Amino acid sequence: MQYLISVIDHRTASATDDEMAAIGTFNEQLVADGHWVFAGGLSAPSDATVIDGRGDGPPIFTDGPFLESKEYLAGFWVFEAPDLDVALKLAGAASKACNRRLEVRPFL
């Protein structure tokens, strides 16, 4: 089963050198243990483009975030884990490594 682990922050690219080192070590362990699928950091919401292709007309493209918020998705991991308990344990270690709050959601 795969899980999306969302990194929640109020800034972009805010990790310290120590946090980046801890994240790197954590990622290496994910790979070694077979849990690594993919991960990445995201640019600021102000860099986003919202696309709305609903309706009969051509898609509408709008600059900026879909939703204004004090916190936002700053990065993510996708873990492979046999069950939610393992995913939550991994997410706890990820939260310690990146020093951020995380949200865990299974893929359908």
PDB file of N, CA and C in Angstrom:
ATOM      1  N   MET A   1       0.853  -1.177   0.000  1.00  0.00           N
ATOM      2  CA  MET A   1       0.000   0.000   0.000  1.00  0.00           C
ATOM      3  C   MET A   1       0.896   1.235   0.000  1.00  0.00           C
ATOM      4  N   GLN A   2       0.446   2.274  -0.660  1.00  0.00           N
ATOM      5  CA  GLN A   2       1.222   3.508  -0.710  1.00  0.00           C
ATOM      6  C   GLN A   2       0.497   4.606   0.048  1.00  0.00           C
ATOM      7  N   TYR A   3       1.288   5.478   0.661  1.00  0.00           N
ATOM      8  CA  TYR A   3       0.771   6.572   1.483  1.00  0.00           C
ATOM      9  C   TYR A   3       1.427   7.872   1.066  1.00  0.00           C
ATOM     10  N   LEU A   4       0.621   8.926   1.005  1.00  0.00           N
ATOM     11  CA  LEU A   4       1.120  10.283   0.762  1.00  0.00           C
ATOM     12  C   LEU A   4       1.352  10.932   2.119  1.00  0.00           C
ATOM     13  N   ILE A   5       2.569  11.387   2.334  1.00  0.00           N
ATOM     14  CA  ILE A   5       2.926  12.085   3.564  1.00  0.00           C
ATOM     15  C   ILE A   5       3.185  13.533   3.175  1.00  0.00           C
ATOM     16  N   SER A   6       2.274  14.410   3.570  1.00  0.00           N
ATOM     17  CA  SER A   6       2.356  15.831   3.228  1.00  0.00           C
ATOM     18  C   SER A   6       3.107  16.586   4.311  1.00  0.00           C
ATOM     19  N   VAL A   7       4.081  17.390   3.903  1.00  0.00           N
ATOM     20  CA  VAL A   7       4.834  18.232   4.826  1.00  0.00           C
ATOM     21  C   VAL A   7       4.125  19.584   4.880  1.00  0.00           C
ATOM     22  N   ILE A   8       3.734  19.979   6.082  1.00  0.00           N
ATOM     23  CA  ILE A   8       2.969  21.207   6.277  1.00  0.00           C
ATOM     24  C   ILE A   8       3.894  22.278   6.845  1.00  0.00           C
ATOM     25  N   ASP A   9       3.948  23.431   6.201  1.00  0.00           N
ATOM     26  CA  ASP A   9       4.818  24.512   6.653  1.00  0.00           C
ATOM     27  C   ASP A   9       4.175  25.842   6.283  1.00  0.00           C
ATOM     28  N   HIS A  10       4.722  26.911   6.832  1.00  0.00           N
ATOM     29  CA  HIS A  10       4.237  28.251   6.497  1.00  0.00           C
ATOM     30  C   HIS A  10       5.271  29.030   5.684  1.00  0.00           C
ATOM     31  N   ARG A  11       6.367  28.339   5.308  1.00  0.00           N
ATOM     32  CA  ARG A  11       7.416  28.955   4.492  1.00  0.00           C
ATOM     33  C   ARG A  11       7.878  27.953   3.441  1.00  0.00           C
ATOM     34  N   THR A  12       8.523  28.437   2.417  1.00  0.00           N
ATOM     35  CA  THR A  12       9.093  27.603   1.371  1.00  0.00           C
ATOM     36  C   THR A  12      10.593  27.498   1.561  1.00  0.00           C
ATOM     37  N   ALA A  13      11.132  26.315   1.328  1.00  0.00           N
ATOM     38  CA  ALA A  13      12.584  26.081   1.420  1.00  0.00           C
ATOM     39  C   ALA A  13      13.136  26.577   2.748  1.00  0.00           C
ATOM     40  N   SER A  14      12.458  26.230   3.829  1.00  0.00           N
ATOM     41  CA  SER A  14      12.831  26.752   5.144  1.00  0.00           C
ATOM     42  C   SER A  14      13.712  25.816   5.952  1.00  0.00           C
ATOM     43  N   ALA A  15      14.026  24.639   5.426  1.00  0.00           N
ATOM     44  CA  ALA A  15      14.821  23.675   6.185  1.00  0.00           C
ATOM     45  C   ALA A  15      16.237  24.193   6.414  1.00  0.00           C
ATOM     46  N   THR A  16      16.719  23.975   7.636  1.00  0.00           N
ATOM     47  CA  THR A  16      18.102  24.328   7.965  1.00  0.00           C
ATOM     48  C   THR A  16      19.040  23.271   7.392  1.00  0.00           C
ATOM     49  N   ASP A  17      20.336  23.542   7.423  1.00  0.00           N
ATOM     50  CA  ASP A  17      21.319  22.554   6.967  1.00  0.00           C
ATOM     51  C   ASP A  17      21.212  21.272   7.786  1.00  0.00           C
ATOM     52  N   ASP A  18      21.021  21.390   9.098  1.00  0.00           N
ATOM     53  CA  ASP A  18      20.880  20.206   9.953  1.00  0.00           C
ATOM     54  C   ASP A  18      19.624  19.415   9.594  1.00  0.00           C
ATOM     55  N   GLU A  19      18.528  20.119   9.331  1.00  0.00           N
ATOM     56  CA  GLU A  19      17.292  19.429   8.941  1.00  0.00           C
ATOM     57  C   GLU A  19      17.464  18.726   7.593  1.00  0.00           C
ATOM     58  N   MET A  20      18.121  19.378   6.651  1.00  0.00           N
ATOM     59  CA  MET A  20      18.353  18.752   5.349  1.00  0.00           C
ATOM     60  C   MET A  20      19.217  17.500   5.494  1.00  0.00           C
ATOM     61  N   ALA A  21      20.218  17.556   6.369  1.00  0.00           N
ATOM     62  CA  ALA A  21      21.059  16.377   6.613  1.00  0.00           C
ATOM     63  C   ALA A  21      20.232  15.250   7.225  1.00  0.00           C
ATOM     64  N   ALA A  22      19.367  15.588   8.184  1.00  0.00           N
ATOM     65  CA  ALA A  22      18.520  14.579   8.824  1.00  0.00           C
ATOM     66  C   ALA A  22      17.538  13.984   7.815  1.00  0.00           C
ATOM     67  N   ILE A  23      16.991  14.807   6.935  1.00  0.00           N
ATOM     68  CA  ILE A  23      16.083  14.326   5.894  1.00  0.00           C
ATOM     69  C   ILE A  23      16.823  13.380   4.957  1.00  0.00           C
ATOM     70  N   GLY A  24      18.045  13.743   4.574  1.00  0.00           N
ATOM     71  CA  GLY A  24      18.849  12.878   3.713  1.00  0.00           C
ATOM     72  C   GLY A  24      19.108  11.523   4.348  1.00  0.00           C
ATOM     73  N   THR A  25      19.453  11.529   5.624  1.00  0.00           N
ATOM     74  CA  THR A  25      19.690  10.274   6.344  1.00  0.00           C
ATOM     75  C   THR A  25      18.405   9.454   6.417  1.00  0.00           C
ATOM     76  N   PHE A  26      17.283  10.118   6.718  1.00  0.00           N
ATOM     77  CA  PHE A  26      15.996   9.438   6.772  1.00  0.00           C
ATOM     78  C   PHE A  26      15.653   8.825   5.417  1.00  0.00           C
ATOM     79  N   ASN A  27      15.858   9.580   4.335  1.00  0.00           N
ATOM     80  CA  ASN A  27      15.556   9.075   2.995  1.00  0.00           C
ATOM     81  C   ASN A  27      16.414   7.861   2.651  1.00  0.00           C
ATOM     82  N   GLU A  28      17.688   7.896   3.022  1.00  0.00           N
ATOM     83  CA  GLU A  28      18.574   6.748   2.780  1.00  0.00           C
ATOM     84  C   GLU A  28      18.045   5.506   3.495  1.00  0.00           C
ATOM     85  N   GLN A  29      17.528   5.687   4.716  1.00  0.00           N
ATOM     86  CA  GLN A  29      16.980   4.549   5.465  1.00  0.00           C
ATOM     87  C   GLN A  29      15.699   4.039   4.813  1.00  0.00           C
ATOM     88  N   LEU A  30      14.873   4.965   4.303  1.00  0.00           N
ATOM     89  CA  LEU A  30      13.666   4.537   3.578  1.00  0.00           C
ATOM     90  C   LEU A  30      14.027   3.649   2.394  1.00  0.00           C
ATOM     91  N   VAL A  31      15.038   4.049   1.642  1.00  0.00           N
ATOM     92  CA  VAL A  31      15.478   3.265   0.482  1.00  0.00           C
ATOM     93  C   VAL A  31      15.975   1.901   0.948  1.00  0.00           C
ATOM     94  N   ALA A  32      16.836   1.887   1.964  1.00  0.00           N
ATOM     95  CA  ALA A  32      17.421   0.634   2.459  1.00  0.00           C
ATOM     96  C   ALA A  32      16.355  -0.336   2.956  1.00  0.00           C
ATOM     97  N   ASP A  33      15.282   0.204   3.541  1.00  0.00           N
ATOM     98  CA  ASP A  33      14.221  -0.634   4.104  1.00  0.00           C
ATOM     99  C   ASP A  33      13.093  -0.947   3.117  1.00  0.00           C
ATOM    100  N   GLY A  34      13.203  -0.438   1.881  1.00  0.00           N
ATOM    101  CA  GLY A  34      12.209  -0.735   0.855  1.00  0.00           C
ATOM    102  C   GLY A  34      10.923   0.067   0.948  1.00  0.00           C
ATOM    103  N   HIS A  35      10.935   1.187   1.664  1.00  0.00           N
ATOM    104  CA  HIS A  35       9.731   2.019   1.806  1.00  0.00           C
ATOM    105  C   HIS A  35       9.711   3.209   0.854  1.00  0.00           C
ATOM    106  N   TRP A  36      10.853   3.521   0.237  1.00  0.00           N
ATOM    107  CA  TRP A  36      10.971   4.699  -0.626  1.00  0.00           C
ATOM    108  C   TRP A  36      10.198   4.503  -1.924  1.00  0.00           C
ATOM    109  N   VAL A  37       9.370   5.480  -2.284  1.00  0.00           N
ATOM    110  CA  VAL A  37       8.738   5.531  -3.599  1.00  0.00           C
ATOM    111  C   VAL A  37       9.156   6.825  -4.286  1.00  0.00           C
ATOM    112  N   PHE A  38       8.900   7.957  -3.635  1.00  0.00           N
ATOM    113  CA  PHE A  38       9.205   9.257  -4.239  1.00  0.00           C
ATOM    114  C   PHE A  38       9.071  10.322  -3.169  1.00  0.00           C
ATOM    115  N   ALA A  39       9.788  11.422  -3.346  1.00  0.00           N
ATOM    116  CA  ALA A  39       9.663  12.563  -2.440  1.00  0.00           C
ATOM    117  C   ALA A  39      10.086  13.821  -3.169  1.00  0.00           C
ATOM    118  N   GLY A  40       9.647  14.965  -2.654  1.00  0.00           N
ATOM    119  CA  GLY A  40      10.056  16.226  -3.245  1.00  0.00           C
ATOM    120  C   GLY A  40       9.558  17.412  -2.461  1.00  0.00           C
ATOM    121  N   GLY A  41      10.267  18.510  -2.620  1.00  0.00           N
ATOM    122  CA  GLY A  41       9.838  19.782  -2.058  1.00  0.00           C
ATOM    123  C   GLY A  41       9.099  20.572  -3.126  1.00  0.00           C
ATOM    124  N   LEU A  42       8.249  21.480  -2.684  1.00  0.00           N
ATOM    125  CA  LEU A  42       7.455  22.277  -3.617  1.00  0.00           C
ATOM    126  C   LEU A  42       7.757  23.764  -3.453  1.00  0.00           C
ATOM    127  N   SER A  43       7.625  24.501  -4.538  1.00  0.00           N
ATOM    128  CA  SER A  43       7.800  25.948  -4.479  1.00  0.00           C
ATOM    129  C   SER A  43       6.608  26.584  -3.769  1.00  0.00           C
ATOM    130  N   ALA A  44       6.659  27.876  -3.578  1.00  0.00           N
ATOM    131  CA  ALA A  44       5.619  28.611  -2.854  1.00  0.00           C
ATOM    132  C   ALA A  44       4.276  28.541  -3.588  1.00  0.00           C
ATOM    133  N   PRO A  45       3.170  28.618  -2.846  1.00  0.00           N
ATOM    134  CA  PRO A  45       1.856  28.620  -3.485  1.00  0.00           C
ATOM    135  C   PRO A  45       1.686  29.749  -4.506  1.00  0.00           C
ATOM    136  N   SER A  46       2.393  30.837  -4.326  1.00  0.00           N
ATOM    137  CA  SER A  46       2.293  31.941  -5.289  1.00  0.00           C
ATOM    138  C   SER A  46       2.806  31.547  -6.678  1.00  0.00           C
ATOM    139  N   ASP A  47       3.557  30.444  -6.762  1.00  0.00           N
ATOM    140  CA  ASP A  47       4.048  29.940  -8.043  1.00  0.00           C
ATOM    141  C   ASP A  47       3.038  29.032  -8.742  1.00  0.00           C
ATOM    142  N   ALA A  48       1.940  28.730  -8.076  1.00  0.00           N
ATOM    143  CA  ALA A  48       0.962  27.774  -8.595  1.00  0.00           C
ATOM    144  C   ALA A  48       0.138  28.358  -9.735  1.00  0.00           C
ATOM    145  N   THR A  49      -0.369  27.474 -10.563  1.00  0.00           N
ATOM    146  CA  THR A  49      -1.374  27.800 -11.573  1.00  0.00           C
ATOM    147  C   THR A  49      -2.533  26.846 -11.366  1.00  0.00           C
ATOM    148  N   VAL A  50      -3.729  27.398 -11.276  1.00  0.00           N
ATOM    149  CA  VAL A  50      -4.937  26.597 -11.108  1.00  0.00           C
ATOM    150  C   VAL A  50      -5.590  26.449 -12.480  1.00  0.00           C
ATOM    151  N   ILE A  51      -5.928  25.211 -12.841  1.00  0.00           N
ATOM    152  CA  ILE A  51      -6.563  24.934 -14.129  1.00  0.00           C
ATOM    153  C   ILE A  51      -7.955  24.388 -13.861  1.00  0.00           C
ATOM    154  N   ASP A  52      -8.965  24.996 -14.489  1.00  0.00           N
ATOM    155  CA  ASP A  52     -10.344  24.541 -14.345  1.00  0.00           C
ATOM    156  C   ASP A  52     -10.874  24.155 -15.717  1.00  0.00           C
ATOM    157  N   GLY A  53     -10.946  22.877 -15.968  1.00  0.00           N
ATOM    158  CA  GLY A  53     -11.429  22.373 -17.248  1.00  0.00           C
ATOM    159  C   GLY A  53     -12.868  21.906 -17.198  1.00  0.00           C
ATOM    160  N   ARG A  54     -13.581  22.286 -16.166  1.00  0.00           N
ATOM    161  CA  ARG A  54     -15.000  21.902 -16.067  1.00  0.00           C
ATOM    162  C   ARG A  54     -15.819  22.688 -17.086  1.00  0.00           C
ATOM    163  N   GLY A  55     -16.913  22.116 -17.479  1.00  0.00           N
ATOM    164  CA  GLY A  55     -17.812  22.824 -18.394  1.00  0.00           C
ATOM    165  C   GLY A  55     -17.485  22.569 -19.845  1.00  0.00           C
ATOM    166  N   ASP A  56     -18.178  23.292 -20.710  1.00  0.00           N
ATOM    167  CA  ASP A  56     -18.073  23.071 -22.150  1.00  0.00           C
ATOM    168  C   ASP A  56     -16.959  23.860 -22.820  1.00  0.00           C
ATOM    169  N   GLY A  57     -16.520  24.940 -22.209  1.00  0.00           N
ATOM    170  CA  GLY A  57     -15.508  25.794 -22.833  1.00  0.00           C
ATOM    171  C   GLY A  57     -14.098  25.270 -22.618  1.00  0.00           C
ATOM    172  N   PRO A  58     -13.143  26.026 -23.105  1.00  0.00           N
ATOM    173  CA  PRO A  58     -11.746  25.637 -22.906  1.00  0.00           C
ATOM    174  C   PRO A  58     -11.352  25.789 -21.430  1.00  0.00           C
ATOM    175  N   PRO A  59     -10.317  25.098 -21.006  1.00  0.00           N
ATOM    176  CA  PRO A  59      -9.863  25.229 -19.618  1.00  0.00           C
ATOM    177  C   PRO A  59      -9.480  26.676 -19.296  1.00  0.00           C
ATOM    178  N   ILE A  60      -9.709  27.056 -18.053  1.00  0.00           N
ATOM    179  CA  ILE A  60      -9.341  28.389 -17.572  1.00  0.00           C
ATOM    180  C   ILE A  60      -8.108  28.245 -16.697  1.00  0.00           C
ATOM    181  N   PHE A  61      -7.101  29.063 -16.954  1.00  0.00           N
ATOM    182  CA  PHE A  61      -5.852  29.038 -16.204  1.00  0.00           C
ATOM    183  C   PHE A  61      -5.776  30.301 -15.351  1.00  0.00           C
ATOM    184  N   THR A  62      -5.554  30.123 -14.046  1.00  0.00           N
ATOM    185  CA  THR A  62      -5.499  31.240 -13.110  1.00  0.00           C
ATOM    186  C   THR A  62      -4.203  31.172 -12.321  1.00  0.00           C
ATOM    187  N   ASP A  63      -3.465  32.278 -12.272  1.00  0.00           N
ATOM    188  CA  ASP A  63      -2.229  32.327 -11.483  1.00  0.00           C
ATOM    189  C   ASP A  63      -2.548  32.348 -10.003  1.00  0.00           C
ATOM    190  N   GLY A  64      -1.639  31.787  -9.228  1.00  0.00           N
ATOM    191  CA  GLY A  64      -1.745  31.848  -7.779  1.00  0.00           C
ATOM    192  C   GLY A  64      -2.426  30.632  -7.194  1.00  0.00           C
ATOM    193  N   PRO A  65      -2.450  30.572  -5.881  1.00  0.00           N
ATOM    194  CA  PRO A  65      -2.990  29.387  -5.209  1.00  0.00           C
ATOM    195  C   PRO A  65      -4.507  29.298  -5.322  1.00  0.00           C
ATOM    196  N   PHE A  66      -5.002  28.077  -5.242  1.00  0.00           N
ATOM    197  CA  PHE A  66      -6.436  27.829  -5.235  1.00  0.00           C
ATOM    198  C   PHE A  66      -7.060  28.344  -3.945  1.00  0.00           C
ATOM    199  N   LEU A  67      -6.296  28.280  -2.870  1.00  0.00           N
ATOM    200  CA  LEU A  67      -6.810  28.595  -1.553  1.00  0.00           C
ATOM    201  C   LEU A  67      -5.759  29.389  -0.789  1.00  0.00           C
ATOM    202  N   GLU A  68      -6.150  30.472  -0.168  1.00  0.00           N
ATOM    203  CA  GLU A  68      -5.243  31.240   0.674  1.00  0.00           C
ATOM    204  C   GLU A  68      -5.209  30.589   2.050  1.00  0.00           C
ATOM    205  N   SER A  69      -4.002  30.381   2.584  1.00  0.00           N
ATOM    206  CA  SER A  69      -3.855  29.712   3.868  1.00  0.00           C
ATOM    207  C   SER A  69      -2.537  30.143   4.503  1.00  0.00           C
ATOM    208  N   LYS A  70      -2.468  30.074   5.828  1.00  0.00           N
ATOM    209  CA  LYS A  70      -1.221  30.381   6.528  1.00  0.00           C
ATOM    210  C   LYS A  70      -0.235  29.239   6.412  1.00  0.00           C
ATOM    211  N   GLU A  71      -0.735  28.020   6.281  1.00  0.00           N
ATOM    212  CA  GLU A  71       0.112  26.840   6.108  1.00  0.00           C
ATOM    213  C   GLU A  71      -0.273  26.172   4.797  1.00  0.00           C
ATOM    214  N   TYR A  72       0.691  25.454   4.228  1.00  0.00           N
ATOM    215  CA  TYR A  72       0.433  24.825   2.947  1.00  0.00           C
ATOM    216  C   TYR A  72       1.352  23.636   2.754  1.00  0.00           C
ATOM    217  N   LEU A  73       1.114  22.906   1.688  1.00  0.00           N
ATOM    218  CA  LEU A  73       1.920  21.749   1.333  1.00  0.00           C
ATOM    219  C   LEU A  73       3.272  22.240   0.830  1.00  0.00           C
ATOM    220  N   ALA A  74       4.316  21.995   1.631  1.00  0.00           N
ATOM    221  CA  ALA A  74       5.655  22.461   1.286  1.00  0.00           C
ATOM    222  C   ALA A  74       6.494  21.358   0.650  1.00  0.00           C
ATOM    223  N   GLY A  75       6.072  20.121   0.821  1.00  0.00           N
ATOM    224  CA  GLY A  75       6.784  18.982   0.271  1.00  0.00           C
ATOM    225  C   GLY A  75       6.014  17.721   0.587  1.00  0.00           C
ATOM    226  N   PHE A  76       6.550  16.582   0.166  1.00  0.00           N
ATOM    227  CA  PHE A  76       5.841  15.328   0.395  1.00  0.00           C
ATOM    228  C   PHE A  76       6.777  14.140   0.236  1.00  0.00           C
ATOM    229  N   TRP A  77       6.352  13.039   0.787  1.00  0.00           N
ATOM    230  CA  TRP A  77       6.928  11.726   0.534  1.00  0.00           C
ATOM    231  C   TRP A  77       5.804  10.823   0.057  1.00  0.00           C
ATOM    232  N   VAL A  78       6.137   9.813  -0.712  1.00  0.00           N
ATOM    233  CA  VAL A  78       5.249   8.685  -0.952  1.00  0.00           C
ATOM    234  C   VAL A  78       5.979   7.471  -0.408  1.00  0.00           C
ATOM    235  N   PHE A  79       5.367   6.835   0.587  1.00  0.00           N
ATOM    236  CA  PHE A  79       5.923   5.644   1.227  1.00  0.00           C
ATOM    237  C   PHE A  79       5.205   4.408   0.723  1.00  0.00           C
ATOM    238  N   GLU A  80       5.928   3.327   0.665  1.00  0.00           N
ATOM    239  CA  GLU A  80       5.359   1.989   0.495  1.00  0.00           C
ATOM    240  C   GLU A  80       5.391   1.347   1.875  1.00  0.00           C
ATOM    241  N   ALA A  81       4.231   0.914   2.366  1.00  0.00           N
ATOM    242  CA  ALA A  81       4.159   0.304   3.697  1.00  0.00           C
ATOM    243  C   ALA A  81       3.060  -0.757   3.694  1.00  0.00           C
ATOM    244  N   PRO A  82       3.236  -1.819   4.481  1.00  0.00           N
ATOM    245  CA  PRO A  82       2.237  -2.887   4.483  1.00  0.00           C
ATOM    246  C   PRO A  82       0.901  -2.489   5.098  1.00  0.00           C
ATOM    247  N   ASP A  83       0.915  -1.475   5.982  1.00  0.00           N
ATOM    248  CA  ASP A  83      -0.332  -1.050   6.620  1.00  0.00           C
ATOM    249  C   ASP A  83      -0.161   0.352   7.211  1.00  0.00           C
ATOM    250  N   LEU A  84      -1.267   0.897   7.706  1.00  0.00           N
ATOM    251  CA  LEU A  84      -1.266   2.255   8.248  1.00  0.00           C
ATOM    252  C   LEU A  84      -0.348   2.383   9.459  1.00  0.00           C
ATOM    253  N   ASP A  85      -0.284   1.377  10.292  1.00  0.00           N
ATOM    254  CA  ASP A  85       0.576   1.456  11.478  1.00  0.00           C
ATOM    255  C   ASP A  85       2.031   1.682  11.099  1.00  0.00           C
ATOM    256  N   VAL A  86       2.495   0.964  10.100  1.00  0.00           N
ATOM    257  CA  VAL A  86       3.879   1.146   9.636  1.00  0.00           C
ATOM    258  C   VAL A  86       4.045   2.530   9.016  1.00  0.00           C
ATOM    259  N   ALA A  87       3.075   2.958   8.216  1.00  0.00           N
ATOM    260  CA  ALA A  87       3.143   4.289   7.593  1.00  0.00           C
ATOM    261  C   ALA A  87       3.201   5.379   8.654  1.00  0.00           C
ATOM    262  N   LEU A  88       2.408   5.233   9.718  1.00  0.00           N
ATOM    263  CA  LEU A  88       2.414   6.236  10.792  1.00  0.00           C
ATOM    264  C   LEU A  88       3.737   6.240  11.545  1.00  0.00           C
ATOM    265  N   LYS A  89       4.308   5.081  11.758  1.00  0.00           N
ATOM    266  CA  LYS A  89       5.616   5.005  12.418  1.00  0.00           C
ATOM    267  C   LYS A  89       6.682   5.695  11.564  1.00  0.00           C
ATOM    268  N   LEU A  90       6.659   5.425  10.268  1.00  0.00           N
ATOM    269  CA  LEU A  90       7.608   6.079   9.354  1.00  0.00           C
ATOM    270  C   LEU A  90       7.385   7.590   9.341  1.00  0.00           C
ATOM    271  N   ALA A  91       6.119   8.005   9.334  1.00  0.00           N
ATOM    272  CA  ALA A  91       5.803   9.435   9.318  1.00  0.00           C
ATOM    273  C   ALA A  91       6.276  10.108  10.601  1.00  0.00           C
ATOM    274  N   GLY A  92       6.194   9.405  11.726  1.00  0.00           N
ATOM    275  CA  GLY A  92       6.717   9.963  12.968  1.00  0.00           C
ATOM    276  C   GLY A  92       8.206  10.238  12.867  1.00  0.00           C
ATOM    277  N   ALA A  93       8.941   9.307  12.278  1.00  0.00           N
ATOM    278  CA  ALA A  93      10.382   9.510  12.076  1.00  0.00           C
ATOM    279  C   ALA A  93      10.634  10.626  11.063  1.00  0.00           C
ATOM    280  N   ALA A  94       9.792  10.710  10.030  1.00  0.00           N
ATOM    281  CA  ALA A  94       9.935  11.775   9.028  1.00  0.00           C
ATOM    282  C   ALA A  94       9.701  13.142   9.658  1.00  0.00           C
ATOM    283  N   SER A  95       8.699  13.232  10.526  1.00  0.00           N
ATOM    284  CA  SER A  95       8.405  14.497  11.206  1.00  0.00           C
ATOM    285  C   SER A  95       9.583  14.940  12.066  1.00  0.00           C
ATOM    286  N   LYS A  96      10.203  13.986  12.739  1.00  0.00           N
ATOM    287  CA  LYS A  96      11.398  14.306  13.537  1.00  0.00           C
ATOM    288  C   LYS A  96      12.525  14.784  12.626  1.00  0.00           C
ATOM    289  N   ALA A  97      12.716  14.105  11.492  1.00  0.00           N
ATOM    290  CA  ALA A  97      13.814  14.448  10.580  1.00  0.00           C
ATOM    291  C   ALA A  97      13.645  15.843   9.990  1.00  0.00           C
ATOM    292  N   CYS A  98      12.433  16.160   9.536  1.00  0.00           N
ATOM    293  CA  CYS A  98      12.235  17.449   8.858  1.00  0.00           C
ATOM    294  C   CYS A  98      11.784  18.558   9.807  1.00  0.00           C
ATOM    295  N   ASN A  99      11.440  18.184  11.046  1.00  0.00           N
ATOM    296  CA  ASN A  99      11.026  19.152  12.060  1.00  0.00           C
ATOM    297  C   ASN A  99       9.785  19.934  11.618  1.00  0.00           C
ATOM    298  N   ARG A 100       8.848  19.220  11.008  1.00  0.00           N
ATOM    299  CA  ARG A 100       7.599  19.819  10.531  1.00  0.00           C
ATOM    300  C   ARG A 100       6.437  18.897  10.889  1.00  0.00           C
ATOM    301  N   ARG A 101       5.223  19.467  10.885  1.00  0.00           N
ATOM    302  CA  ARG A 101       4.022  18.653  11.021  1.00  0.00           C
ATOM    303  C   ARG A 101       3.764  17.953   9.695  1.00  0.00           C
ATOM    304  N   LEU A 102       3.218  16.737   9.779  1.00  0.00           N
ATOM    305  CA  LEU A 102       2.923  15.960   8.583  1.00  0.00           C
ATOM    306  C   LEU A 102       1.487  15.477   8.601  1.00  0.00           C
ATOM    307  N   GLU A 103       0.968  15.201   7.426  1.00  0.00           N
ATOM    308  CA  GLU A 103      -0.337  14.560   7.273  1.00  0.00           C
ATOM    309  C   GLU A 103      -0.132  13.283   6.471  1.00  0.00           C
ATOM    310  N   VAL A 104      -0.736  12.182   6.923  1.00  0.00           N
ATOM    311  CA  VAL A 104      -0.624  10.888   6.255  1.00  0.00           C
ATOM    312  C   VAL A 104      -1.977  10.515   5.660  1.00  0.00           C
ATOM    313  N   ARG A 105      -1.964  10.163   4.377  1.00  0.00           N
ATOM    314  CA  ARG A 105      -3.197   9.726   3.703  1.00  0.00           C
ATOM    315  C   ARG A 105      -2.885   8.567   2.777  1.00  0.00           C
ATOM    316  N   PRO A 106      -3.679   7.503   2.846  1.00  0.00           N
ATOM    317  CA  PRO A 106      -3.459   6.386   1.913  1.00  0.00           C
ATOM    318  C   PRO A 106      -3.967   6.731   0.514  1.00  0.00           C
ATOM    319  N   PHE A 107      -3.290   6.169  -0.490  1.00  0.00           N
ATOM    320  CA  PHE A 107      -3.803   6.249  -1.862  1.00  0.00           C
ATOM    321  C   PHE A 107      -4.948   5.265  -1.990  1.00  0.00           C
ATOM    322  N   LEU A 108      -5.918   5.580  -2.816  1.00  0.00           N
ATOM    323  CA  LEU A 108      -7.050   4.687  -3.053  1.00  0.00           C
ATOM    324  C   LEU A 108      -6.655   3.559  -3.998  1.00  0.00           C
TER     325      LEU A 108
END
